[in-house]
Amino acid sequence: MISRLNGRLIEKNPTDLLIECAGVGYEVKISLNTFSVLPDTEAIVLHTKLIVREDAHILYGFATKEEREMFGHLISVSGIGPNTALIMLSSMTPDDIAHAILSEDVASIQKISRKSIG
């Protein structure tokens, strides 16, 4: 499992980035929250989660351990895949998601799916 990358930021986009670690370039999918807090400097650290599928190995990166942990919780729910989890983490912070779930704030969760569609 690849759980952390420490390297040089090569390219940064709202949905993904390229980080070079020891001469190897890793393409990493990210949330908008991670995009907004990552510095544009060369040296960065990402907390990561590797998802292995039959047709691909996809690396997801997060600015904080808390965001990575929430991603893990979200994808463990039936019907929520990695892309949906990233959309949720792009719309709300991990604390906001946890609060909405614990307080059964269905409206906040529904707003996320409406934002991603429209």
Protein backbone atom coordinates (compact mmCIF):
# COMPACT_ATOMS: atom_id res chain seq x y z
CA MET A 1 0.00 0.00 0.00
CA ILE A 2 1.22 3.49 -0.80
CA SER A 3 0.07 5.65 2.10
CA ARG A 4 2.28 8.74 1.78
CA LEU A 5 4.25 10.52 -0.92
CA ASN A 6 6.92 13.10 -0.26
CA GLY A 7 8.24 14.66 -3.42
CA ARG A 8 8.38 17.40 -5.99
CA LEU A 9 5.16 18.82 -7.42
CA ILE A 10 5.43 18.68 -11.21
CA GLU A 11 1.87 19.56 -12.26
CA LYS A 12 -1.24 20.58 -10.29
CA ASN A 13 -4.81 20.56 -11.63
CA PRO A 14 -8.15 20.79 -9.77
CA THR A 15 -8.76 17.03 -10.09
CA ASP A 16 -5.28 15.54 -10.18
CA LEU A 17 -1.60 16.22 -9.83
CA LEU A 18 1.76 14.78 -10.78
CA ILE A 19 4.34 14.31 -8.04
CA GLU A 20 7.87 13.05 -8.61
CA CYS A 21 9.34 10.88 -5.86
CA ALA A 22 12.86 9.47 -6.31
CA GLY A 23 12.63 9.81 -10.08
CA VAL A 24 9.18 8.22 -10.42
CA GLY A 25 6.20 10.36 -11.41
CA TYR A 26 2.90 9.47 -9.72
CA GLU A 27 -0.44 10.65 -11.10
CA VAL A 28 -2.70 11.26 -8.10
CA LYS A 29 -6.43 12.07 -8.04
CA ILE A 30 -7.30 14.84 -5.55
CA SER A 31 -10.32 16.69 -4.16
CA LEU A 32 -10.87 20.42 -4.66
CA ASN A 33 -10.19 20.91 -0.94
CA THR A 34 -6.75 19.32 -1.32
CA PHE A 35 -6.13 21.36 -4.48
CA SER A 36 -6.92 24.59 -2.65
CA VAL A 37 -4.67 23.94 0.36
CA LEU A 38 -1.65 22.41 -1.37
CA PRO A 39 1.11 24.93 -1.91
CA ASP A 40 2.37 25.66 -5.40
CA THR A 41 5.91 25.10 -4.15
CA GLU A 42 7.87 22.14 -5.41
CA ALA A 43 8.18 20.15 -2.16
CA ILE A 44 4.90 18.58 -1.03
CA VAL A 45 3.66 15.73 1.14
CA LEU A 46 0.48 13.81 0.28
CA HIS A 47 -1.38 11.23 2.32
CA THR A 48 -2.57 8.62 -0.16
CA LYS A 49 -4.90 5.70 -0.69
CA LEU A 50 -4.29 3.19 -3.47
CA ILE A 51 -7.40 1.64 -5.01
CA VAL A 52 -6.75 -1.50 -7.03
CA ARG A 53 -9.37 -2.48 -9.57
CA GLU A 54 -9.36 -5.13 -12.24
CA ASP A 55 -8.60 -2.56 -14.94
CA ALA A 56 -6.55 0.06 -13.05
CA HIS A 57 -4.53 1.02 -10.00
CA ILE A 58 -5.59 4.52 -8.96
CA LEU A 59 -3.81 6.64 -6.37
CA TYR A 60 -5.87 9.19 -4.44
CA GLY A 61 -4.10 11.97 -2.54
CA PHE A 62 -5.11 14.13 0.39
CA ALA A 63 -3.62 17.16 2.11
CA THR A 64 -4.44 15.76 5.56
CA LYS A 65 -4.71 12.39 7.25
CA GLU A 66 -8.26 13.34 8.29
CA GLU A 67 -9.34 13.76 4.68
CA ARG A 68 -7.79 10.39 3.76
CA GLU A 69 -9.53 8.76 6.72
CA MET A 70 -12.92 10.21 5.74
CA PHE A 71 -12.33 9.00 2.16
CA GLY A 72 -11.82 5.48 3.55
CA HIS A 73 -15.01 5.69 5.59
CA LEU A 74 -17.02 6.98 2.63
CA ILE A 75 -15.88 4.30 0.18
CA SER A 76 -16.75 1.61 2.72
CA VAL A 77 -20.43 2.58 2.36
CA SER A 78 -22.34 0.57 -0.23
CA GLY A 79 -23.04 2.73 -3.27
CA ILE A 80 -20.27 5.27 -2.62
CA GLY A 81 -17.26 4.75 -4.83
CA PRO A 82 -13.99 6.67 -4.93
CA ASN A 83 -15.29 9.27 -7.41
CA THR A 84 -18.37 10.03 -5.32
CA ALA A 85 -16.21 10.24 -2.19
CA LEU A 86 -13.93 12.75 -3.94
CA ILE A 87 -16.96 14.82 -4.98
CA MET A 88 -18.14 14.82 -1.36
CA LEU A 89 -14.69 15.86 -0.12
CA SER A 90 -14.58 18.57 -2.78
CA SER A 91 -17.86 20.01 -1.48
CA MET A 92 -17.42 19.64 2.29
CA THR A 93 -14.60 19.25 4.79
CA PRO A 94 -14.22 15.91 6.58
CA ASP A 95 -15.55 17.54 9.77
CA ASP A 96 -18.59 18.90 7.92
CA ILE A 97 -19.33 15.48 6.43
CA ALA A 98 -18.99 13.78 9.83
CA HIS A 99 -21.25 16.39 11.43
CA ALA A 100 -23.88 16.03 8.68
CA ILE A 101 -23.89 12.25 9.06
CA LEU A 102 -24.00 12.25 12.86
CA SER A 103 -26.75 14.86 12.99
CA GLU A 104 -28.66 13.10 10.17
CA ASP A 105 -28.55 16.29 8.09
CA VAL A 106 -29.84 14.73 4.89
CA ALA A 107 -30.26 18.12 3.17
CA SER A 108 -26.52 18.85 3.34
CA ILE A 109 -25.66 15.48 1.84
CA GLN A 110 -28.28 15.91 -0.91
CA LYS A 111 -26.79 19.30 -1.83
CA ILE A 112 -23.54 17.55 -2.71
CA SER A 113 -25.15 15.35 -5.34
CA ARG A 114 -27.02 18.30 -6.81
CA LYS A 115 -23.78 20.31 -7.08
CA SER A 116 -21.98 17.47 -8.83
CA ILE A 117 -24.77 16.96 -11.38
CA GLY A 118 -25.35 20.60 -12.24
